Amino acid sequence: MSIPYQLTRCLRFSCQLIKLSLLAFTLTMSTLVYSAEQPQTITYVEGTKVVTDPYNNYFSDLLLLALEQSVDKFGPFQLKPIETDISQKRQIREIQKGRIDVFWTMTSFSREADLLPVKFPLAKGMYGLRLLATNANDAALFSDIAGLPSVKAMKALAAIPALSGSDWPDTPILRLNRFTVVSDVAENKMYPYLSQKTGYYFPRGIVELFSELQSREEETLINEPRLALMYPAVIYFFVSKQNPQLAERLEYGLNKAKNDGSFDRLFYGHPRHDMAFKRANLSQRIFFKLKNPLFPKSATAESITLMQEQMIKRLSEK
């Protein structure tokens, strides 16, 4: 019995379609398996301060936590630190060029214009609480300021030059609040400068101040025990605007860590934080509250101020 020619053609065509479909399915599955086996490589700058000081790694620890928390949705990852010390401006350029994937810094209008922020406050506004490194020979000067009524005390402090980096967000914040600022001293020369000269102070974050003073050899450098500055400030992870998937991944992981309590455990239990919180004596501080006109719309100043006040209360109760 012979098969009609047209039917034979249909059967051959159907067989070819089946083969092509099987091939496409095999290739798709192979691609999926390959993709699943390939971790996402995430490059960031591991500054020499982090390498030499194991307590200086809160943000890289938090980056790791966020990525671990996001594996269920985004798959495996591989962190690739680059051990070098470069300025914040340089890190922004390197992200824009695609040479690094993420870094952390205090947010501002310009930084959010250049990069894509992951809108999760990494340090609960802690870096807007600034303690003062001073020269021990100025102890009486700052003690006298602490004894003045609040308005006069703030004016007196504002008249004393504060050391601050030329590209730090703190610098315009201080100037817009009519504080005197010296920003032409190199970052690695600020402590030596302060140790050799009187009539200056160096505002530092809570966790920065104590570990930095502990590592210095200059005996004239001290923590001013009574005065502090306070303004709304947020540190975010930043990524390239061409990498929204990484921003989504980090935000997902950070929120998951917040919800299961692991974010708070890392923040309050990190060795460097724990040591600084115990020594900061926040309940005895006079906080001069400044405005932050550069605060972007990615977070409200009121919400960050509330975070700061809650943190001060919690640490004061310990």
C-alpha atoms as a PDB file:
ATOM      1  CA  MET A   1       0.000   0.000   0.000  1.00  0.00           C
ATOM      2  CA  SER A   2       1.599   3.267  -1.087  1.00  0.00           C
ATOM      3  CA  ILE A   3       1.483   6.495   0.963  1.00  0.00           C
ATOM      4  CA  PRO A   4       0.329   9.580  -0.930  1.00  0.00           C
ATOM      5  CA  TYR A   5       3.132  11.974  -1.750  1.00  0.00           C
ATOM      6  CA  GLN A   6       1.528  14.917   0.099  1.00  0.00           C
ATOM      7  CA  LEU A   7       1.085  12.833   3.247  1.00  0.00           C
ATOM      8  CA  THR A   8       4.748  11.784   3.058  1.00  0.00           C
ATOM      9  CA  ARG A   9       5.816  15.445   2.886  1.00  0.00           C
ATOM     10  CA  CYS A  10       3.646  16.299   5.905  1.00  0.00           C
ATOM     11  CA  LEU A  11       5.148  13.465   7.921  1.00  0.00           C
ATOM     12  CA  ARG A  12       8.691  14.560   7.053  1.00  0.00           C
ATOM     13  CA  PHE A  13       7.870  18.186   7.912  1.00  0.00           C
ATOM     14  CA  SER A  14       6.335  17.114  11.228  1.00  0.00           C
ATOM     15  CA  CYS A  15       9.440  15.083  12.092  1.00  0.00           C
ATOM     16  CA  GLN A  16      11.660  18.077  11.350  1.00  0.00           C
ATOM     17  CA  LEU A  17       9.508  20.308  13.580  1.00  0.00           C
ATOM     18  CA  ILE A  18       9.723  17.780  16.403  1.00  0.00           C
ATOM     19  CA  LYS A  19      13.522  17.587  16.024  1.00  0.00           C
ATOM     20  CA  LEU A  20      13.839  21.375  16.004  1.00  0.00           C
ATOM     21  CA  SER A  21      11.582  21.656  19.052  1.00  0.00           C
ATOM     22  CA  LEU A  22      13.637  19.060  20.913  1.00  0.00           C
ATOM     23  CA  LEU A  23      16.841  20.864  19.955  1.00  0.00           C
ATOM     24  CA  ALA A  24      15.449  24.215  21.117  1.00  0.00           C
ATOM     25  CA  PHE A  25      14.286  22.636  24.392  1.00  0.00           C
ATOM     26  CA  THR A  26      17.701  21.058  24.943  1.00  0.00           C
ATOM     27  CA  LEU A  27      19.489  24.352  24.273  1.00  0.00           C
ATOM     28  CA  THR A  28      17.111  26.242  26.571  1.00  0.00           C
ATOM     29  CA  MET A  29      17.598  23.754  29.404  1.00  0.00           C
ATOM     30  CA  SER A  30      21.352  23.810  28.888  1.00  0.00           C
ATOM     31  CA  THR A  31      21.323  27.599  29.083  1.00  0.00           C
ATOM     32  CA  LEU A  32      19.237  27.534  32.248  1.00  0.00           C
ATOM     33  CA  VAL A  33      21.504  24.972  33.881  1.00  0.00           C
ATOM     34  CA  TYR A  34      24.590  26.931  32.825  1.00  0.00           C
ATOM     35  CA  SER A  35      23.090  30.180  34.137  1.00  0.00           C
ATOM     36  CA  ALA A  36      22.123  28.534  37.414  1.00  0.00           C
ATOM     37  CA  GLU A  37      25.667  27.250  37.869  1.00  0.00           C
ATOM     38  CA  GLN A  38      27.290  30.620  37.132  1.00  0.00           C
ATOM     39  CA  PRO A  39      27.314  32.879  40.220  1.00  0.00           C
ATOM     40  CA  GLN A  40      26.818  36.603  39.752  1.00  0.00           C
ATOM     41  CA  THR A  41      30.205  38.268  40.287  1.00  0.00           C
ATOM     42  CA  ILE A  42      30.010  41.501  42.264  1.00  0.00           C
ATOM     43  CA  THR A  43      33.110  43.689  42.445  1.00  0.00           C
ATOM     44  CA  TYR A  44      33.705  46.328  45.110  1.00  0.00           C
ATOM     45  CA  VAL A  45      36.601  48.282  46.587  1.00  0.00           C
ATOM     46  CA  GLU A  46      38.024  46.885  49.814  1.00  0.00           C
ATOM     47  CA  GLY A  47      40.050  49.826  51.119  1.00  0.00           C
ATOM     48  CA  THR A  48      43.360  49.223  52.852  1.00  0.00           C
ATOM     49  CA  LYS A  49      41.814  50.410  56.126  1.00  0.00           C
ATOM     50  CA  VAL A  50      39.438  47.459  55.948  1.00  0.00           C
ATOM     51  CA  VAL A  51      42.221  45.021  55.111  1.00  0.00           C
ATOM     52  CA  THR A  52      44.423  46.150  58.004  1.00  0.00           C
ATOM     53  CA  ASP A  53      41.597  46.670  60.508  1.00  0.00           C
ATOM     54  CA  PRO A  54      39.206  43.687  60.700  1.00  0.00           C
ATOM     55  CA  TYR A  55      36.783  45.781  62.751  1.00  0.00           C
ATOM     56  CA  ASN A  56      36.381  48.223  59.845  1.00  0.00           C
ATOM     57  CA  ASN A  57      34.295  45.874  57.706  1.00  0.00           C
ATOM     58  CA  TYR A  58      30.685  46.574  58.677  1.00  0.00           C
ATOM     59  CA  PHE A  59      29.576  47.636  55.189  1.00  0.00           C
ATOM     60  CA  SER A  60      31.264  44.735  53.420  1.00  0.00           C
ATOM     61  CA  ASP A  61      29.691  42.402  56.014  1.00  0.00           C
ATOM     62  CA  LEU A  62      26.322  44.006  55.305  1.00  0.00           C
ATOM     63  CA  LEU A  63      26.850  43.632  51.558  1.00  0.00           C
ATOM     64  CA  LEU A  64      27.519  39.920  52.112  1.00  0.00           C
ATOM     65  CA  LEU A  65      24.408  39.591  54.291  1.00  0.00           C
ATOM     66  CA  ALA A  66      22.192  41.275  51.679  1.00  0.00           C
ATOM     67  CA  LEU A  67      23.498  39.004  48.932  1.00  0.00           C
ATOM     68  CA  GLU A  68      23.095  35.872  51.041  1.00  0.00           C
ATOM     69  CA  GLN A  69      19.525  36.854  51.847  1.00  0.00           C
ATOM     70  CA  SER A  70      18.754  37.270  48.147  1.00  0.00           C
ATOM     71  CA  VAL A  71      20.009  33.895  46.889  1.00  0.00           C
ATOM     72  CA  ASP A  72      16.496  32.408  47.004  1.00  0.00           C
ATOM     73  CA  LYS A  73      15.280  34.903  44.377  1.00  0.00           C
ATOM     74  CA  PHE A  74      18.397  35.903  42.424  1.00  0.00           C
ATOM     75  CA  GLY A  75      20.662  32.876  42.618  1.00  0.00           C
ATOM     76  CA  PRO A  76      24.301  32.383  43.695  1.00  0.00           C
ATOM     77  CA  PHE A  77      26.894  35.133  43.811  1.00  0.00           C
ATOM     78  CA  GLN A  78      30.609  35.689  44.151  1.00  0.00           C
ATOM     79  CA  LEU A  79      32.087  38.747  45.842  1.00  0.00           C
ATOM     80  CA  LYS A  80      35.270  40.088  44.297  1.00  0.00           C
ATOM     81  CA  PRO A  81      36.973  42.717  46.485  1.00  0.00           C
ATOM     82  CA  ILE A  82      39.627  45.001  45.031  1.00  0.00           C
ATOM     83  CA  GLU A  83      42.195  45.938  47.659  1.00  0.00           C
ATOM     84  CA  THR A  84      43.041  49.583  47.051  1.00  0.00           C
ATOM     85  CA  ASP A  85      42.435  53.019  48.513  1.00  0.00           C
ATOM     86  CA  ILE A  86      40.715  55.453  46.136  1.00  0.00           C
ATOM     87  CA  SER A  87      38.629  58.577  46.673  1.00  0.00           C
ATOM     88  CA  GLN A  88      34.854  58.601  46.612  1.00  0.00           C
ATOM     89  CA  LYS A  89      34.889  60.578  43.356  1.00  0.00           C
ATOM     90  CA  ARG A  90      37.079  57.912  41.779  1.00  0.00           C
ATOM     91  CA  GLN A  91      34.752  55.130  42.951  1.00  0.00           C
ATOM     92  CA  ILE A  92      31.834  56.894  41.274  1.00  0.00           C
ATOM     93  CA  ARG A  93      33.780  57.070  38.007  1.00  0.00           C
ATOM     94  CA  GLU A  94      34.786  53.408  38.253  1.00  0.00           C
ATOM     95  CA  ILE A  95      31.150  52.355  38.727  1.00  0.00           C
ATOM     96  CA  GLN A  96      30.080  54.453  35.740  1.00  0.00           C
ATOM     97  CA  LYS A  97      32.789  52.752  33.655  1.00  0.00           C
ATOM     98  CA  GLY A  98      31.651  49.304  34.829  1.00  0.00           C
ATOM     99  CA  ARG A  99      34.918  48.453  36.549  1.00  0.00           C
ATOM    100  CA  ILE A 100      33.305  48.034  39.964  1.00  0.00           C
ATOM    101  CA  ASP A 101      29.700  47.139  40.730  1.00  0.00           C
ATOM    102  CA  VAL A 102      28.822  48.669  44.096  1.00  0.00           C
ATOM    103  CA  PHE A 103      30.062  51.043  46.766  1.00  0.00           C
ATOM    104  CA  TRP A 104      28.605  52.744  49.816  1.00  0.00           C
ATOM    105  CA  THR A 105      28.572  56.417  50.709  1.00  0.00           C
ATOM    106  CA  MET A 106      26.460  59.181  52.178  1.00  0.00           C
ATOM    107  CA  THR A 107      23.762  60.111  49.693  1.00  0.00           C
ATOM    108  CA  SER A 108      23.295  63.511  48.075  1.00  0.00           C
ATOM    109  CA  PHE A 109      21.479  65.011  45.085  1.00  0.00           C
ATOM    110  CA  SER A 110      24.568  64.758  42.898  1.00  0.00           C
ATOM    111  CA  ARG A 111      25.316  61.156  43.811  1.00  0.00           C
ATOM    112  CA  GLU A 112      21.763  60.095  43.121  1.00  0.00           C
ATOM    113  CA  ALA A 113      21.971  61.901  39.779  1.00  0.00           C
ATOM    114  CA  ASP A 114      25.159  60.049  38.827  1.00  0.00           C
ATOM    115  CA  LEU A 115      24.330  56.585  40.186  1.00  0.00           C
ATOM    116  CA  LEU A 116      21.418  54.362  41.187  1.00  0.00           C
ATOM    117  CA  PRO A 117      20.871  54.296  44.973  1.00  0.00           C
ATOM    118  CA  VAL A 118      19.623  51.254  46.836  1.00  0.00           C
ATOM    119  CA  LYS A 119      17.135  53.046  49.054  1.00  0.00           C
ATOM    120  CA  PHE A 120      17.776  51.350  52.368  1.00  0.00           C
ATOM    121  CA  PRO A 121      19.542  53.276  55.202  1.00  0.00           C
ATOM    122  CA  LEU A 122      22.579  51.107  55.897  1.00  0.00           C
ATOM    123  CA  ALA A 123      23.546  52.714  59.204  1.00  0.00           C
ATOM    124  CA  LYS A 124      20.267  54.065  60.644  1.00  0.00           C
ATOM    125  CA  GLY A 125      21.462  57.647  60.134  1.00  0.00           C
ATOM    126  CA  MET A 126      24.435  57.006  62.430  1.00  0.00           C
ATOM    127  CA  TYR A 127      26.884  58.914  60.237  1.00  0.00           C
ATOM    128  CA  GLY A 128      24.839  62.060  60.747  1.00  0.00           C
ATOM    129  CA  LEU A 129      25.843  61.893  64.428  1.00  0.00           C
ATOM    130  CA  ARG A 130      29.291  63.474  64.460  1.00  0.00           C
ATOM    131  CA  LEU A 131      31.590  63.450  67.483  1.00  0.00           C
ATOM    132  CA  LEU A 132      34.570  65.773  67.611  1.00  0.00           C
ATOM    133  CA  ALA A 133      38.239  64.857  67.526  1.00  0.00           C
ATOM    134  CA  THR A 134      40.193  67.739  69.032  1.00  0.00           C
ATOM    135  CA  ASN A 135      43.633  68.738  70.202  1.00  0.00           C
ATOM    136  CA  ALA A 136      44.045  68.133  73.962  1.00  0.00           C
ATOM    137  CA  ASN A 137      45.445  71.659  74.332  1.00  0.00           C
ATOM    138  CA  ASP A 138      41.990  72.964  73.334  1.00  0.00           C
ATOM    139  CA  ALA A 139      40.148  71.083  76.107  1.00  0.00           C
ATOM    140  CA  ALA A 140      39.300  74.263  78.013  1.00  0.00           C
ATOM    141  CA  LEU A 141      38.033  75.986  74.836  1.00  0.00           C
ATOM    142  CA  PHE A 142      35.497  73.263  74.085  1.00  0.00           C
ATOM    143  CA  SER A 143      34.589  72.841  77.758  1.00  0.00           C
ATOM    144  CA  ASP A 144      33.686  76.541  77.877  1.00  0.00           C
ATOM    145  CA  ILE A 145      31.475  76.111  74.794  1.00  0.00           C
ATOM    146  CA  ALA A 146      29.672  73.208  76.461  1.00  0.00           C
ATOM    147  CA  GLY A 147      28.846  75.490  79.383  1.00  0.00           C
ATOM    148  CA  LEU A 148      27.134  78.149  77.233  1.00  0.00           C
ATOM    149  CA  PRO A 149      23.399  78.372  76.491  1.00  0.00           C
ATOM    150  CA  SER A 150      22.591  76.257  73.421  1.00  0.00           C
ATOM    151  CA  VAL A 151      22.265  79.053  70.854  1.00  0.00           C
ATOM    152  CA  LYS A 152      25.477  80.778  71.945  1.00  0.00           C
ATOM    153  CA  ALA A 153      27.267  77.443  72.176  1.00  0.00           C
ATOM    154  CA  MET A 154      26.352  76.564  68.594  1.00  0.00           C
ATOM    155  CA  LYS A 155      27.527  79.964  67.325  1.00  0.00           C
ATOM    156  CA  ALA A 156      30.802  79.601  69.210  1.00  0.00           C
ATOM    157  CA  LEU A 157      31.414  76.135  67.772  1.00  0.00           C
ATOM    158  CA  ALA A 158      30.485  77.297  64.265  1.00  0.00           C
ATOM    159  CA  ALA A 159      33.210  79.952  64.460  1.00  0.00           C
ATOM    160  CA  ILE A 160      35.930  77.329  65.052  1.00  0.00           C
ATOM    161  CA  PRO A 161      37.249  75.767  61.815  1.00  0.00           C
ATOM    162  CA  ALA A 162      36.138  72.188  61.221  1.00  0.00           C
ATOM    163  CA  LEU A 163      38.351  69.904  59.131  1.00  0.00           C
ATOM    164  CA  SER A 164      36.447  68.140  56.353  1.00  0.00           C
ATOM    165  CA  GLY A 165      37.264  66.516  53.009  1.00  0.00           C
ATOM    166  CA  SER A 166      36.815  68.548  49.845  1.00  0.00           C
ATOM    167  CA  ASP A 167      34.507  65.951  48.260  1.00  0.00           C
ATOM    168  CA  TRP A 168      32.719  64.810  51.448  1.00  0.00           C
ATOM    169  CA  PRO A 169      28.961  65.504  51.664  1.00  0.00           C
ATOM    170  CA  ASP A 170      29.546  66.805  55.212  1.00  0.00           C
ATOM    171  CA  THR A 171      31.434  69.836  53.900  1.00  0.00           C
ATOM    172  CA  PRO A 172      28.565  71.654  52.134  1.00  0.00           C
ATOM    173  CA  ILE A 173      26.185  70.667  54.949  1.00  0.00           C
ATOM    174  CA  LEU A 174      28.417  72.382  57.499  1.00  0.00           C
ATOM    175  CA  ARG A 175      28.900  75.445  55.305  1.00  0.00           C
ATOM    176  CA  LEU A 176      25.182  75.805  54.589  1.00  0.00           C
ATOM    177  CA  ASN A 177      24.661  75.838  58.378  1.00  0.00           C
ATOM    178  CA  ARG A 178      27.209  78.685  58.570  1.00  0.00           C
ATOM    179  CA  PHE A 179      29.971  76.604  60.109  1.00  0.00           C
ATOM    180  CA  THR A 180      33.564  77.488  59.312  1.00  0.00           C
ATOM    181  CA  VAL A 181      35.186  74.673  57.324  1.00  0.00           C
ATOM    182  CA  VAL A 182      38.752  73.968  56.198  1.00  0.00           C
ATOM    183  CA  SER A 183      38.627  71.543  53.263  1.00  0.00           C
ATOM    184  CA  ASP A 184      42.070  71.917  51.674  1.00  0.00           C
ATOM    185  CA  VAL A 185      43.875  69.488  54.002  1.00  0.00           C
ATOM    186  CA  ALA A 186      44.440  66.052  52.444  1.00  0.00           C
ATOM    187  CA  GLU A 187      42.367  63.289  54.004  1.00  0.00           C
ATOM    188  CA  ASN A 188      45.397  61.360  55.241  1.00  0.00           C
ATOM    189  CA  LYS A 189      46.863  64.526  56.767  1.00  0.00           C
ATOM    190  CA  MET A 190      43.897  65.661  58.860  1.00  0.00           C
ATOM    191  CA  TYR A 191      44.853  63.945  62.112  1.00  0.00           C
ATOM    192  CA  PRO A 192      48.516  65.046  61.894  1.00  0.00           C
ATOM    193  CA  TYR A 193      47.305  68.578  61.129  1.00  0.00           C
ATOM    194  CA  LEU A 194      44.957  68.524  64.131  1.00  0.00           C
ATOM    195  CA  SER A 195      47.662  67.170  66.425  1.00  0.00           C
ATOM    196  CA  GLN A 196      50.034  69.996  65.510  1.00  0.00           C
ATOM    197  CA  LYS A 197      47.617  72.922  65.574  1.00  0.00           C
ATOM    198  CA  THR A 198      45.134  74.279  68.083  1.00  0.00           C
ATOM    199  CA  GLY A 199      41.816  75.961  67.349  1.00  0.00           C
ATOM    200  CA  TYR A 200      40.407  73.235  65.077  1.00  0.00           C
ATOM    201  CA  TYR A 201      38.233  70.150  65.369  1.00  0.00           C
ATOM    202  CA  PHE A 202      37.557  67.135  63.157  1.00  0.00           C
ATOM    203  CA  PRO A 203      33.932  65.865  63.067  1.00  0.00           C
ATOM    204  CA  ARG A 204      33.828  62.073  62.758  1.00  0.00           C
ATOM    205  CA  GLY A 205      31.165  59.383  62.812  1.00  0.00           C
ATOM    206  CA  ILE A 206      30.698  57.541  66.104  1.00  0.00           C
ATOM    207  CA  VAL A 207      32.342  54.350  64.918  1.00  0.00           C
ATOM    208  CA  GLU A 208      35.050  56.195  63.027  1.00  0.00           C
ATOM    209  CA  LEU A 209      36.279  58.370  65.891  1.00  0.00           C
ATOM    210  CA  PHE A 210      37.262  55.811  68.504  1.00  0.00           C
ATOM    211  CA  SER A 211      38.934  53.284  66.227  1.00  0.00           C
ATOM    212  CA  GLU A 212      40.808  56.076  64.432  1.00  0.00           C
ATOM    213  CA  LEU A 213      42.046  57.691  67.650  1.00  0.00           C
ATOM    214  CA  GLN A 214      43.045  54.275  68.961  1.00  0.00           C
ATOM    215  CA  SER A 215      45.207  53.693  65.896  1.00  0.00           C
ATOM    216  CA  ARG A 216      46.963  57.072  66.093  1.00  0.00           C
ATOM    217  CA  GLU A 217      50.283  57.683  67.833  1.00  0.00           C
ATOM    218  CA  GLU A 218      49.780  61.417  68.426  1.00  0.00           C
ATOM    219  CA  GLU A 219      49.173  61.910  72.146  1.00  0.00           C
ATOM    220  CA  THR A 220      47.520  65.295  71.660  1.00  0.00           C
ATOM    221  CA  LEU A 221      44.478  63.826  69.857  1.00  0.00           C
ATOM    222  CA  ILE A 222      41.415  63.302  72.042  1.00  0.00           C
ATOM    223  CA  ASN A 223      37.661  62.724  71.880  1.00  0.00           C
ATOM    224  CA  GLU A 224      35.829  65.880  72.968  1.00  0.00           C
ATOM    225  CA  PRO A 225      33.489  64.333  75.595  1.00  0.00           C
ATOM    226  CA  ARG A 226      30.477  66.672  75.588  1.00  0.00           C
ATOM    227  CA  LEU A 227      29.777  68.140  72.136  1.00  0.00           C
ATOM    228  CA  ALA A 228      28.316  66.506  69.029  1.00  0.00           C
ATOM    229  CA  LEU A 229      26.664  67.442  65.746  1.00  0.00           C
ATOM    230  CA  MET A 230      23.462  65.879  64.449  1.00  0.00           C
ATOM    231  CA  TYR A 231      21.922  66.136  60.990  1.00  0.00           C
ATOM    232  CA  PRO A 232      19.874  63.781  58.802  1.00  0.00           C
ATOM    233  CA  ALA A 233      22.250  61.704  56.717  1.00  0.00           C
ATOM    234  CA  VAL A 234      21.862  58.395  54.952  1.00  0.00           C
ATOM    235  CA  ILE A 235      24.437  55.945  53.658  1.00  0.00           C
ATOM    236  CA  TYR A 236      23.239  53.850  50.722  1.00  0.00           C
ATOM    237  CA  PHE A 237      24.691  51.211  48.479  1.00  0.00           C
ATOM    238  CA  PHE A 238      25.121  52.706  44.995  1.00  0.00           C
ATOM    239  CA  VAL A 239      25.300  50.852  41.677  1.00  0.00           C
ATOM    240  CA  SER A 240      25.430  51.842  38.020  1.00  0.00           C
ATOM    241  CA  LYS A 241      22.220  53.044  36.417  1.00  0.00           C
ATOM    242  CA  GLN A 242      22.846  50.320  33.848  1.00  0.00           C
ATOM    243  CA  ASN A 243      22.615  47.679  36.587  1.00  0.00           C
ATOM    244  CA  PRO A 244      19.097  47.983  38.087  1.00  0.00           C
ATOM    245  CA  GLN A 245      18.961  44.216  38.653  1.00  0.00           C
ATOM    246  CA  LEU A 246      21.757  44.454  41.233  1.00  0.00           C
ATOM    247  CA  ALA A 247      19.966  47.355  42.957  1.00  0.00           C
ATOM    248  CA  GLU A 248      16.793  45.264  43.087  1.00  0.00           C
ATOM    249  CA  ARG A 249      18.718  42.304  44.479  1.00  0.00           C
ATOM    250  CA  LEU A 250      20.386  44.327  47.224  1.00  0.00           C
ATOM    251  CA  GLU A 251      17.156  46.067  48.251  1.00  0.00           C
ATOM    252  CA  TYR A 252      15.370  42.704  48.405  1.00  0.00           C
ATOM    253  CA  GLY A 253      18.118  41.166  50.556  1.00  0.00           C
ATOM    254  CA  LEU A 254      18.362  44.158  52.905  1.00  0.00           C
ATOM    255  CA  ASN A 255      14.605  44.252  53.530  1.00  0.00           C
ATOM    256  CA  LYS A 256      14.605  40.524  54.154  1.00  0.00           C
ATOM    257  CA  ALA A 257      17.430  40.961  56.682  1.00  0.00           C
ATOM    258  CA  LYS A 258      15.523  43.774  58.360  1.00  0.00           C
ATOM    259  CA  ASN A 259      12.377  41.669  58.650  1.00  0.00           C
ATOM    260  CA  ASP A 260      14.104  38.612  60.147  1.00  0.00           C
ATOM    261  CA  GLY A 261      16.189  40.676  62.604  1.00  0.00           C
ATOM    262  CA  SER A 262      19.600  39.843  61.131  1.00  0.00           C
ATOM    263  CA  PHE A 263      20.177  43.473  60.067  1.00  0.00           C
ATOM    264  CA  ASP A 264      19.777  44.779  63.640  1.00  0.00           C
ATOM    265  CA  ARG A 265      21.911  41.951  65.009  1.00  0.00           C
ATOM    266  CA  LEU A 266      24.729  42.902  62.644  1.00  0.00           C
ATOM    267  CA  PHE A 267      24.355  46.656  63.201  1.00  0.00           C
ATOM    268  CA  TYR A 268      24.296  46.643  67.006  1.00  0.00           C
ATOM    269  CA  GLY A 269      26.464  43.555  67.472  1.00  0.00           C
ATOM    270  CA  HIS A 270      29.269  44.411  65.068  1.00  0.00           C
ATOM    271  CA  PRO A 271      32.480  44.584  67.175  1.00  0.00           C
ATOM    272  CA  ARG A 272      33.455  48.039  65.959  1.00  0.00           C
ATOM    273  CA  HIS A 273      29.972  49.428  66.590  1.00  0.00           C
ATOM    274  CA  ASP A 274      29.667  47.785  69.990  1.00  0.00           C
ATOM    275  CA  MET A 275      32.985  49.230  71.138  1.00  0.00           C
ATOM    276  CA  ALA A 276      32.141  52.726  69.890  1.00  0.00           C
ATOM    277  CA  PHE A 277      28.621  52.721  71.340  1.00  0.00           C
ATOM    278  CA  LYS A 278      29.966  51.826  74.776  1.00  0.00           C
ATOM    279  CA  ARG A 279      32.467  54.690  74.682  1.00  0.00           C
ATOM    280  CA  ALA A 280      30.359  57.386  72.999  1.00  0.00           C
ATOM    281  CA  ASN A 281      28.401  58.271  76.162  1.00  0.00           C
ATOM    282  CA  LEU A 282      25.562  59.624  74.020  1.00  0.00           C
ATOM    283  CA  SER A 283      23.229  60.335  76.942  1.00  0.00           C
ATOM    284  CA  GLN A 284      25.696  62.965  78.226  1.00  0.00           C
ATOM    285  CA  ARG A 285      26.214  64.699  74.871  1.00  0.00           C
ATOM    286  CA  ILE A 286      24.980  68.111  73.783  1.00  0.00           C
ATOM    287  CA  PHE A 287      23.749  67.609  70.216  1.00  0.00           C
ATOM    288  CA  PHE A 288      23.724  70.643  67.934  1.00  0.00           C
ATOM    289  CA  LYS A 289      21.020  69.871  65.374  1.00  0.00           C
ATOM    290  CA  LEU A 290      21.828  71.039  61.845  1.00  0.00           C
ATOM    291  CA  LYS A 291      19.710  71.122  58.716  1.00  0.00           C
ATOM    292  CA  ASN A 292      20.699  69.158  55.656  1.00  0.00           C
ATOM    293  CA  PRO A 293      19.572  71.196  52.623  1.00  0.00           C
ATOM    294  CA  LEU A 294      21.216  68.601  50.349  1.00  0.00           C
ATOM    295  CA  PHE A 295      19.077  65.741  51.624  1.00  0.00           C
ATOM    296  CA  PRO A 296      17.512  64.039  48.578  1.00  0.00           C
ATOM    297  CA  LYS A 297      13.925  62.930  48.201  1.00  0.00           C
ATOM    298  CA  SER A 298      14.852  59.242  48.380  1.00  0.00           C
ATOM    299  CA  ALA A 299      14.240  59.422  52.145  1.00  0.00           C
ATOM    300  CA  THR A 300      12.571  61.988  54.386  1.00  0.00           C
ATOM    301  CA  ALA A 301      14.725  63.930  56.829  1.00  0.00           C
ATOM    302  CA  GLU A 302      12.094  63.358  59.512  1.00  0.00           C
ATOM    303  CA  SER A 303      12.280  59.569  59.185  1.00  0.00           C
ATOM    304  CA  ILE A 304      16.067  59.587  59.477  1.00  0.00           C
ATOM    305  CA  THR A 305      16.007  61.963  62.446  1.00  0.00           C
ATOM    306  CA  LEU A 306      13.549  59.575  64.128  1.00  0.00           C
ATOM    307  CA  MET A 307      15.942  56.654  63.475  1.00  0.00           C
ATOM    308  CA  GLN A 308      18.776  58.649  65.023  1.00  0.00           C
ATOM    309  CA  GLU A 309      16.755  59.567  68.102  1.00  0.00           C
ATOM    310  CA  GLN A 310      15.619  55.960  68.570  1.00  0.00           C
ATOM    311  CA  MET A 311      19.211  54.779  68.327  1.00  0.00           C
ATOM    312  CA  ILE A 312      20.410  57.376  70.864  1.00  0.00           C
ATOM    313  CA  LYS A 313      17.609  56.318  73.235  1.00  0.00           C
ATOM    314  CA  ARG A 314      18.378  52.622  72.859  1.00  0.00           C
ATOM    315  CA  LEU A 315      22.098  53.109  73.423  1.00  0.00           C
ATOM    316  CA  SER A 316      21.518  55.484  76.353  1.00  0.00           C
ATOM    317  CA  GLU A 317      19.401  52.861  78.124  1.00  0.00           C
ATOM    318  CA  LYS A 318      22.193  50.281  78.088  1.00  0.00           C
END
